[in-house]
Amino acid sequence: GLGVALVMLTSGSVASTLAVRQLGLAGSWVLVLAATAGAALVMALVLALAARVRDNVVLLIVGLMVASVTGAIVSLWQYFSAPEQIQEYLLWTFGALGGVTGPHLTVLATVVVAGLVLALASAKPLNALLLGENYARSLGLRVRRSRTLIILSTSLLAGSITAFCGPIGFVGIAVPHLTRALLGTADHRLLLPGACLLGAALVLGCDCLAQLPGSQITLPINVVTSLLGAPVVLWVVLRRPVRSTT
């Protein structure tokens, strides 16, 4: 379900951010609010679908269909856009860290810090939810409130970073698995800060590799993250034991 959630989160952020850009309301706070709202909408949809659909394959198909719908919305905006706007959008989708200016950084840092505080506050609820909702409720956890907190923190982080740096792929899928493998624990009090540090280091490393030392060419950061992230995802999938059908 994690891959579905990330695909839908990114697609929701992209669609809402592009819509705001095309409407001429491309202020820093407006972009963040739009991307966060789009991410929150699809995140809530992910949770609603996960509660109704127990089959991971069906959930994956539904998630891909939702991503297809948001992709159609993006294509519609592109169709009615000027060539300059399409070029700007395509450059944004490549992903880049260098386009974040001083005013952007102030807004981005404010929202990211708020999202991190909320994410760390949800560490204990996430640990309780690992054993199921019924067990979490027996411990006195307010599940609906915890879900709202998780949606808000995830949306703030995914939406703000996507708005300014573009939809950088595979980091959100690969880093949690790498963090869990390196730390050897399922405790979110360790996994959350560990994933933040490892994710930041990985993105900075990919950005350095994208500069192509000794060359004037700069690769899109999405190219580098995909080349590094795709093998990790394949490793995670292939290392799982195959269930016998007999």
C-alpha atoms as a PDB file:
ATOM      1  CA  GLY A   1       0.000   0.000   0.000  1.00  0.00           C
ATOM      2  CA  LEU A   2       2.953   2.357   0.521  1.00  0.00           C
ATOM      3  CA  GLY A   3       3.757   2.599  -3.186  1.00  0.00           C
ATOM      4  CA  VAL A   4       0.116   3.318  -4.011  1.00  0.00           C
ATOM      5  CA  ALA A   5      -0.025   6.034  -1.383  1.00  0.00           C
ATOM      6  CA  LEU A   6       3.138   7.697  -2.669  1.00  0.00           C
ATOM      7  CA  VAL A   7       2.004   7.574  -6.292  1.00  0.00           C
ATOM      8  CA  MET A   8      -1.322   9.125  -5.373  1.00  0.00           C
ATOM      9  CA  LEU A   9       0.241  11.714  -3.055  1.00  0.00           C
ATOM     10  CA  THR A  10       2.650  12.873  -5.744  1.00  0.00           C
ATOM     11  CA  SER A  11      -0.004  12.966  -8.452  1.00  0.00           C
ATOM     12  CA  GLY A  12      -2.355  14.957  -6.223  1.00  0.00           C
ATOM     13  CA  SER A  13       0.357  17.476  -5.374  1.00  0.00           C
ATOM     14  CA  VAL A  14       1.369  17.834  -9.032  1.00  0.00           C
ATOM     15  CA  ALA A  15      -2.195  18.368 -10.246  1.00  0.00           C
ATOM     16  CA  SER A  16      -3.076  20.971  -7.617  1.00  0.00           C
ATOM     17  CA  THR A  17       0.243  22.823  -7.970  1.00  0.00           C
ATOM     18  CA  LEU A  18      -0.061  22.990 -11.760  1.00  0.00           C
ATOM     19  CA  ALA A  19      -3.641  24.237 -11.494  1.00  0.00           C
ATOM     20  CA  VAL A  20      -2.605  27.091  -9.208  1.00  0.00           C
ATOM     21  CA  ARG A  21       0.313  28.001 -11.464  1.00  0.00           C
ATOM     22  CA  GLN A  22      -1.951  28.187 -14.491  1.00  0.00           C
ATOM     23  CA  LEU A  23      -4.409  30.395 -12.620  1.00  0.00           C
ATOM     24  CA  GLY A  24      -1.648  32.921 -12.038  1.00  0.00           C
ATOM     25  CA  LEU A  25      -1.626  32.519  -8.253  1.00  0.00           C
ATOM     26  CA  ALA A  26       1.941  31.274  -8.003  1.00  0.00           C
ATOM     27  CA  GLY A  27       2.831  32.881  -4.673  1.00  0.00           C
ATOM     28  CA  SER A  28       4.957  30.760  -2.360  1.00  0.00           C
ATOM     29  CA  TRP A  29       2.283  30.225   0.281  1.00  0.00           C
ATOM     30  CA  VAL A  30      -0.423  29.648  -2.318  1.00  0.00           C
ATOM     31  CA  LEU A  31       1.669  26.946  -4.001  1.00  0.00           C
ATOM     32  CA  VAL A  32       2.319  25.225  -0.685  1.00  0.00           C
ATOM     33  CA  LEU A  33      -1.336  25.364   0.320  1.00  0.00           C
ATOM     34  CA  ALA A  34      -2.434  24.004  -3.055  1.00  0.00           C
ATOM     35  CA  ALA A  35       0.081  21.151  -3.047  1.00  0.00           C
ATOM     36  CA  THR A  36      -0.713  20.313   0.583  1.00  0.00           C
ATOM     37  CA  ALA A  37      -4.444  20.303  -0.116  1.00  0.00           C
ATOM     38  CA  GLY A  38      -3.972  18.002  -3.102  1.00  0.00           C
ATOM     39  CA  ALA A  39      -1.771  15.645  -1.092  1.00  0.00           C
ATOM     40  CA  ALA A  40      -4.205  15.651   1.848  1.00  0.00           C
ATOM     41  CA  LEU A  41      -7.116  14.842  -0.440  1.00  0.00           C
ATOM     42  CA  VAL A  42      -5.475  11.806  -1.979  1.00  0.00           C
ATOM     43  CA  MET A  43      -4.014  10.701   1.364  1.00  0.00           C
ATOM     44  CA  ALA A  44      -7.497  10.662   2.862  1.00  0.00           C
ATOM     45  CA  LEU A  45      -8.636   8.716  -0.196  1.00  0.00           C
ATOM     46  CA  VAL A  46      -5.822   6.194   0.350  1.00  0.00           C
ATOM     47  CA  LEU A  47      -6.909   5.583   3.934  1.00  0.00           C
ATOM     48  CA  ALA A  48     -10.557   5.279   2.923  1.00  0.00           C
ATOM     49  CA  LEU A  49      -9.706   2.769   0.192  1.00  0.00           C
ATOM     50  CA  ALA A  50      -7.380   0.792   2.453  1.00  0.00           C
ATOM     51  CA  ALA A  51     -10.196   0.402   4.981  1.00  0.00           C
ATOM     52  CA  ARG A  52     -12.545  -1.027   2.335  1.00  0.00           C
ATOM     53  CA  VAL A  53     -10.148  -2.932   0.080  1.00  0.00           C
ATOM     54  CA  ARG A  54      -8.148  -5.644   1.818  1.00  0.00           C
ATOM     55  CA  ASP A  55      -6.548  -7.093  -1.308  1.00  0.00           C
ATOM     56  CA  ASN A  56      -3.249  -5.328  -2.030  1.00  0.00           C
ATOM     57  CA  VAL A  57      -3.506  -6.063  -5.760  1.00  0.00           C
ATOM     58  CA  VAL A  58      -6.965  -4.481  -5.977  1.00  0.00           C
ATOM     59  CA  LEU A  59      -5.734  -1.512  -3.933  1.00  0.00           C
ATOM     60  CA  LEU A  60      -2.824  -1.111  -6.330  1.00  0.00           C
ATOM     61  CA  ILE A  61      -5.167  -1.114  -9.338  1.00  0.00           C
ATOM     62  CA  VAL A  62      -7.484   1.424  -7.701  1.00  0.00           C
ATOM     63  CA  GLY A  63      -4.495   3.596  -6.824  1.00  0.00           C
ATOM     64  CA  LEU A  64      -3.224   3.511 -10.382  1.00  0.00           C
ATOM     65  CA  MET A  65      -6.675   4.497 -11.640  1.00  0.00           C
ATOM     66  CA  VAL A  66      -6.767   7.479  -9.277  1.00  0.00           C
ATOM     67  CA  ALA A  67      -3.282   8.467 -10.426  1.00  0.00           C
ATOM     68  CA  SER A  68      -4.521   8.131 -14.013  1.00  0.00           C
ATOM     69  CA  VAL A  69      -7.380  10.536 -13.309  1.00  0.00           C
ATOM     70  CA  THR A  70      -5.047  13.132 -11.805  1.00  0.00           C
ATOM     71  CA  GLY A  71      -2.719  12.610 -14.764  1.00  0.00           C
ATOM     72  CA  ALA A  72      -5.627  13.341 -17.097  1.00  0.00           C
ATOM     73  CA  ILE A  73      -6.288  16.580 -15.205  1.00  0.00           C
ATOM     74  CA  VAL A  74      -2.634  17.571 -15.634  1.00  0.00           C
ATOM     75  CA  SER A  75      -2.802  16.761 -19.359  1.00  0.00           C
ATOM     76  CA  LEU A  76      -5.921  18.902 -19.678  1.00  0.00           C
ATOM     77  CA  TRP A  77      -4.163  21.864 -18.060  1.00  0.00           C
ATOM     78  CA  GLN A  78      -1.210  21.376 -20.398  1.00  0.00           C
ATOM     79  CA  TYR A  79      -3.460  21.284 -23.453  1.00  0.00           C
ATOM     80  CA  PHE A  80      -4.823  24.750 -22.678  1.00  0.00           C
ATOM     81  CA  SER A  81      -1.448  26.190 -21.622  1.00  0.00           C
ATOM     82  CA  ALA A  82       0.960  28.375 -23.542  1.00  0.00           C
ATOM     83  CA  PRO A  83       4.220  26.783 -24.775  1.00  0.00           C
ATOM     84  CA  GLU A  84       6.223  28.752 -22.194  1.00  0.00           C
ATOM     85  CA  GLN A  85       4.037  27.417 -19.389  1.00  0.00           C
ATOM     86  CA  ILE A  86       4.399  23.855 -20.659  1.00  0.00           C
ATOM     87  CA  GLN A  87       8.183  24.239 -20.767  1.00  0.00           C
ATOM     88  CA  GLU A  88       8.204  25.607 -17.210  1.00  0.00           C
ATOM     89  CA  TYR A  89       6.056  22.706 -16.046  1.00  0.00           C
ATOM     90  CA  LEU A  90       8.274  20.093 -17.718  1.00  0.00           C
ATOM     91  CA  LEU A  91      11.396  21.583 -16.147  1.00  0.00           C
ATOM     92  CA  TRP A  92       9.662  21.524 -12.766  1.00  0.00           C
ATOM     93  CA  THR A  93       8.738  17.838 -13.137  1.00  0.00           C
ATOM     94  CA  PHE A  94      12.410  16.958 -13.679  1.00  0.00           C
ATOM     95  CA  GLY A  95      13.047  17.891 -10.055  1.00  0.00           C
ATOM     96  CA  ALA A  96      15.699  20.333  -8.862  1.00  0.00           C
ATOM     97  CA  LEU A  97      17.034  21.770  -5.625  1.00  0.00           C
ATOM     98  CA  GLY A  98      18.744  24.796  -7.158  1.00  0.00           C
ATOM     99  CA  GLY A  99      15.534  26.665  -7.937  1.00  0.00           C
ATOM    100  CA  VAL A 100      14.668  27.257  -4.278  1.00  0.00           C
ATOM    101  CA  THR A 101      15.381  30.938  -3.570  1.00  0.00           C
ATOM    102  CA  GLY A 102      15.696  32.730  -0.232  1.00  0.00           C
ATOM    103  CA  PRO A 103      11.993  33.627   0.108  1.00  0.00           C
ATOM    104  CA  HIS A 104      11.061  30.109  -1.013  1.00  0.00           C
ATOM    105  CA  LEU A 105      13.411  28.617   1.563  1.00  0.00           C
ATOM    106  CA  THR A 106      11.774  30.597   4.362  1.00  0.00           C
ATOM    107  CA  VAL A 107       8.335  29.289   3.455  1.00  0.00           C
ATOM    108  CA  LEU A 108       9.613  25.766   2.800  1.00  0.00           C
ATOM    109  CA  ALA A 109      11.527  25.566   6.084  1.00  0.00           C
ATOM    110  CA  THR A 110       8.526  26.806   8.066  1.00  0.00           C
ATOM    111  CA  VAL A 111       6.164  24.239   6.582  1.00  0.00           C
ATOM    112  CA  VAL A 112       8.671  21.366   6.725  1.00  0.00           C
ATOM    113  CA  VAL A 113       9.476  22.012  10.391  1.00  0.00           C
ATOM    114  CA  ALA A 114       5.756  22.044  11.195  1.00  0.00           C
ATOM    115  CA  GLY A 115       5.307  18.789   9.283  1.00  0.00           C
ATOM    116  CA  LEU A 116       8.259  17.169  11.052  1.00  0.00           C
ATOM    117  CA  VAL A 117       6.929  18.144  14.481  1.00  0.00           C
ATOM    118  CA  LEU A 118       3.556  16.593  13.652  1.00  0.00           C
ATOM    119  CA  ALA A 119       5.236  13.498  12.185  1.00  0.00           C
ATOM    120  CA  LEU A 120       7.351  12.929  15.290  1.00  0.00           C
ATOM    121  CA  ALA A 121       4.265  13.428  17.444  1.00  0.00           C
ATOM    122  CA  SER A 122       2.591  10.589  15.531  1.00  0.00           C
ATOM    123  CA  ALA A 123       5.418   8.100  16.207  1.00  0.00           C
ATOM    124  CA  LYS A 124       3.764   6.432  19.200  1.00  0.00           C
ATOM    125  CA  PRO A 125       0.336   6.191  17.502  1.00  0.00           C
ATOM    126  CA  LEU A 126       2.028   4.581  14.496  1.00  0.00           C
ATOM    127  CA  ASN A 127       3.680   2.029  16.778  1.00  0.00           C
ATOM    128  CA  ALA A 128       0.312   1.192  18.319  1.00  0.00           C
ATOM    129  CA  LEU A 129      -1.327   0.862  14.899  1.00  0.00           C
ATOM    130  CA  LEU A 130       1.251  -1.735  13.842  1.00  0.00           C
ATOM    131  CA  LEU A 131      -0.706  -4.309  15.836  1.00  0.00           C
ATOM    132  CA  GLY A 132      -4.080  -3.306  14.396  1.00  0.00           C
ATOM    133  CA  GLU A 133      -6.772  -0.753  15.119  1.00  0.00           C
ATOM    134  CA  ASN A 134      -8.535  -2.868  17.734  1.00  0.00           C
ATOM    135  CA  TYR A 135      -5.359  -3.264  19.762  1.00  0.00           C
ATOM    136  CA  ALA A 136      -4.601   0.445  19.406  1.00  0.00           C
ATOM    137  CA  ARG A 137      -8.078   1.326  20.669  1.00  0.00           C
ATOM    138  CA  SER A 138      -7.615  -1.020  23.628  1.00  0.00           C
ATOM    139  CA  LEU A 139      -4.555   1.043  24.550  1.00  0.00           C
ATOM    140  CA  GLY A 140      -6.681   4.179  24.562  1.00  0.00           C
ATOM    141  CA  LEU A 141      -5.522   5.491  21.190  1.00  0.00           C
ATOM    142  CA  ARG A 142      -7.937   7.797  19.403  1.00  0.00           C
ATOM    143  CA  VAL A 143      -7.572   6.293  15.951  1.00  0.00           C
ATOM    144  CA  ARG A 144      -9.462   8.952  13.993  1.00  0.00           C
ATOM    145  CA  ARG A 145      -7.473  11.747  15.607  1.00  0.00           C
ATOM    146  CA  SER A 146      -4.227   9.895  14.936  1.00  0.00           C
ATOM    147  CA  ARG A 147      -5.170   9.397  11.284  1.00  0.00           C
ATOM    148  CA  THR A 148      -5.893  13.100  10.925  1.00  0.00           C
ATOM    149  CA  LEU A 149      -2.496  13.903  12.418  1.00  0.00           C
ATOM    150  CA  ILE A 150      -0.772  11.496  10.041  1.00  0.00           C
ATOM    151  CA  ILE A 151      -2.630  12.909   7.020  1.00  0.00           C
ATOM    152  CA  LEU A 152      -1.751  16.479   8.001  1.00  0.00           C
ATOM    153  CA  SER A 153       1.938  15.808   8.635  1.00  0.00           C
ATOM    154  CA  THR A 154       2.371  13.730   5.472  1.00  0.00           C
ATOM    155  CA  SER A 155       0.545  16.289   3.349  1.00  0.00           C
ATOM    156  CA  LEU A 156       2.589  19.202   4.682  1.00  0.00           C
ATOM    157  CA  LEU A 157       5.869  17.431   3.975  1.00  0.00           C
ATOM    158  CA  ALA A 158       4.976  15.954   0.577  1.00  0.00           C
ATOM    159  CA  GLY A 159       3.071  19.019  -0.621  1.00  0.00           C
ATOM    160  CA  SER A 160       5.629  21.670   0.322  1.00  0.00           C
ATOM    161  CA  ILE A 161       8.633  19.809  -1.066  1.00  0.00           C
ATOM    162  CA  THR A 162       6.819  18.907  -4.290  1.00  0.00           C
ATOM    163  CA  ALA A 163       5.703  22.514  -4.793  1.00  0.00           C
ATOM    164  CA  PHE A 164       9.243  23.914  -4.766  1.00  0.00           C
ATOM    165  CA  CYS A 165      11.511  21.011  -5.751  1.00  0.00           C
ATOM    166  CA  GLY A 166       9.217  19.082  -8.080  1.00  0.00           C
ATOM    167  CA  PRO A 167       7.995  15.486  -7.814  1.00  0.00           C
ATOM    168  CA  ILE A 168      11.304  13.780  -6.997  1.00  0.00           C
ATOM    169  CA  GLY A 169      10.629  10.093  -7.476  1.00  0.00           C
ATOM    170  CA  PHE A 170      11.609   6.910  -5.626  1.00  0.00           C
ATOM    171  CA  VAL A 171      13.016   8.653  -2.533  1.00  0.00           C
ATOM    172  CA  GLY A 172       9.802   8.200  -0.577  1.00  0.00           C
ATOM    173  CA  ILE A 173       9.620   4.528  -1.557  1.00  0.00           C
ATOM    174  CA  ALA A 174      13.271   3.527  -1.183  1.00  0.00           C
ATOM    175  CA  VAL A 175      14.310   5.450   1.949  1.00  0.00           C
ATOM    176  CA  PRO A 176      11.807   3.923   4.438  1.00  0.00           C
ATOM    177  CA  HIS A 177      12.859   0.402   3.419  1.00  0.00           C
ATOM    178  CA  LEU A 178      16.547   1.301   3.623  1.00  0.00           C
ATOM    179  CA  THR A 179      16.055   2.907   7.032  1.00  0.00           C
ATOM    180  CA  ARG A 180      14.219  -0.121   8.382  1.00  0.00           C
ATOM    181  CA  ALA A 181      16.937  -2.434   7.040  1.00  0.00           C
ATOM    182  CA  LEU A 182      19.777  -0.331   8.470  1.00  0.00           C
ATOM    183  CA  LEU A 183      18.236   0.228  11.898  1.00  0.00           C
ATOM    184  CA  GLY A 184      16.682  -3.223  12.180  1.00  0.00           C
ATOM    185  CA  THR A 185      13.655  -1.957  14.066  1.00  0.00           C
ATOM    186  CA  ALA A 186       9.990  -1.159  13.522  1.00  0.00           C
ATOM    187  CA  ASP A 187       9.939   1.565  16.187  1.00  0.00           C
ATOM    188  CA  HIS A 188       8.776   4.754  14.495  1.00  0.00           C
ATOM    189  CA  ARG A 189      10.485   6.849  17.164  1.00  0.00           C
ATOM    190  CA  LEU A 190      13.723   5.771  15.492  1.00  0.00           C
ATOM    191  CA  LEU A 191      12.476   5.212  11.948  1.00  0.00           C
ATOM    192  CA  LEU A 192      11.050   8.711  11.431  1.00  0.00           C
ATOM    193  CA  PRO A 193      14.185  10.729  12.308  1.00  0.00           C
ATOM    194  CA  GLY A 194      16.334   8.072  10.645  1.00  0.00           C
ATOM    195  CA  ALA A 195      14.337   8.308   7.412  1.00  0.00           C
ATOM    196  CA  CYS A 196      14.578  12.114   7.489  1.00  0.00           C
ATOM    197  CA  LEU A 197      18.363  12.056   7.829  1.00  0.00           C
ATOM    198  CA  LEU A 198      18.890   9.260   5.308  1.00  0.00           C
ATOM    199  CA  GLY A 199      16.473  10.839   2.825  1.00  0.00           C
ATOM    200  CA  ALA A 200      18.181  14.229   3.067  1.00  0.00           C
ATOM    201  CA  ALA A 201      21.613  12.648   2.631  1.00  0.00           C
ATOM    202  CA  LEU A 202      20.425  10.578  -0.330  1.00  0.00           C
ATOM    203  CA  VAL A 203      18.856  13.546  -2.124  1.00  0.00           C
ATOM    204  CA  LEU A 204      21.933  15.715  -1.561  1.00  0.00           C
ATOM    205  CA  GLY A 205      24.134  12.895  -2.828  1.00  0.00           C
ATOM    206  CA  CYS A 206      21.953  12.475  -5.917  1.00  0.00           C
ATOM    207  CA  ASP A 207      22.066  16.236  -6.494  1.00  0.00           C
ATOM    208  CA  CYS A 208      25.870  16.153  -6.380  1.00  0.00           C
ATOM    209  CA  LEU A 209      25.944  13.246  -8.841  1.00  0.00           C
ATOM    210  CA  ALA A 210      23.535  15.133 -11.112  1.00  0.00           C
ATOM    211  CA  GLN A 211      26.047  17.958 -11.465  1.00  0.00           C
ATOM    212  CA  LEU A 212      28.382  15.640 -13.456  1.00  0.00           C
ATOM    213  CA  PRO A 213      31.787  16.781 -12.087  1.00  0.00           C
ATOM    214  CA  GLY A 214      34.059  18.073 -14.834  1.00  0.00           C
ATOM    215  CA  SER A 215      31.141  18.771 -17.163  1.00  0.00           C
ATOM    216  CA  GLN A 216      28.827  21.712 -17.784  1.00  0.00           C
ATOM    217  CA  ILE A 217      25.841  19.355 -18.052  1.00  0.00           C
ATOM    218  CA  THR A 218      23.445  19.008 -15.132  1.00  0.00           C
ATOM    219  CA  LEU A 219      21.157  15.995 -15.133  1.00  0.00           C
ATOM    220  CA  PRO A 220      17.617  16.160 -13.719  1.00  0.00           C
ATOM    221  CA  ILE A 221      17.717  14.865 -10.153  1.00  0.00           C
ATOM    222  CA  ASN A 222      14.795  12.570 -10.969  1.00  0.00           C
ATOM    223  CA  VAL A 223      17.060  10.625 -13.322  1.00  0.00           C
ATOM    224  CA  VAL A 224      19.592   9.924 -10.583  1.00  0.00           C
ATOM    225  CA  THR A 225      17.032   9.085  -7.885  1.00  0.00           C
ATOM    226  CA  SER A 226      15.256   6.705 -10.258  1.00  0.00           C
ATOM    227  CA  LEU A 227      18.501   4.938 -11.170  1.00  0.00           C
ATOM    228  CA  LEU A 228      19.293   4.463  -7.480  1.00  0.00           C
ATOM    229  CA  GLY A 229      15.761   3.953  -6.174  1.00  0.00           C
ATOM    230  CA  ALA A 230      14.443   1.432  -8.698  1.00  0.00           C
ATOM    231  CA  PRO A 231      16.974  -1.292  -7.741  1.00  0.00           C
ATOM    232  CA  VAL A 232      16.099  -0.797  -4.067  1.00  0.00           C
ATOM    233  CA  VAL A 233      12.395  -1.278  -4.765  1.00  0.00           C
ATOM    234  CA  LEU A 234      13.140  -4.392  -6.841  1.00  0.00           C
ATOM    235  CA  TRP A 235      15.324  -5.738  -4.035  1.00  0.00           C
ATOM    236  CA  VAL A 236      12.567  -5.204  -1.480  1.00  0.00           C
ATOM    237  CA  VAL A 237      10.015  -6.955  -3.705  1.00  0.00           C
ATOM    238  CA  LEU A 238      12.237  -9.890  -4.694  1.00  0.00           C
ATOM    239  CA  ARG A 239      13.588 -10.588  -1.203  1.00  0.00           C
ATOM    240  CA  ARG A 240      10.117 -11.388   0.112  1.00  0.00           C
ATOM    241  CA  PRO A 241       9.494 -15.136   0.396  1.00  0.00           C
ATOM    242  CA  VAL A 242       7.225 -16.572  -2.282  1.00  0.00           C
ATOM    243  CA  ARG A 243       4.046 -18.045  -0.841  1.00  0.00           C
ATOM    244  CA  SER A 244       3.301 -21.609  -1.853  1.00  0.00           C
ATOM    245  CA  THR A 245      -0.039 -22.179  -3.548  1.00  0.00           C
ATOM    246  CA  THR A 246      -0.182 -25.835  -2.512  1.00  0.00           C
END
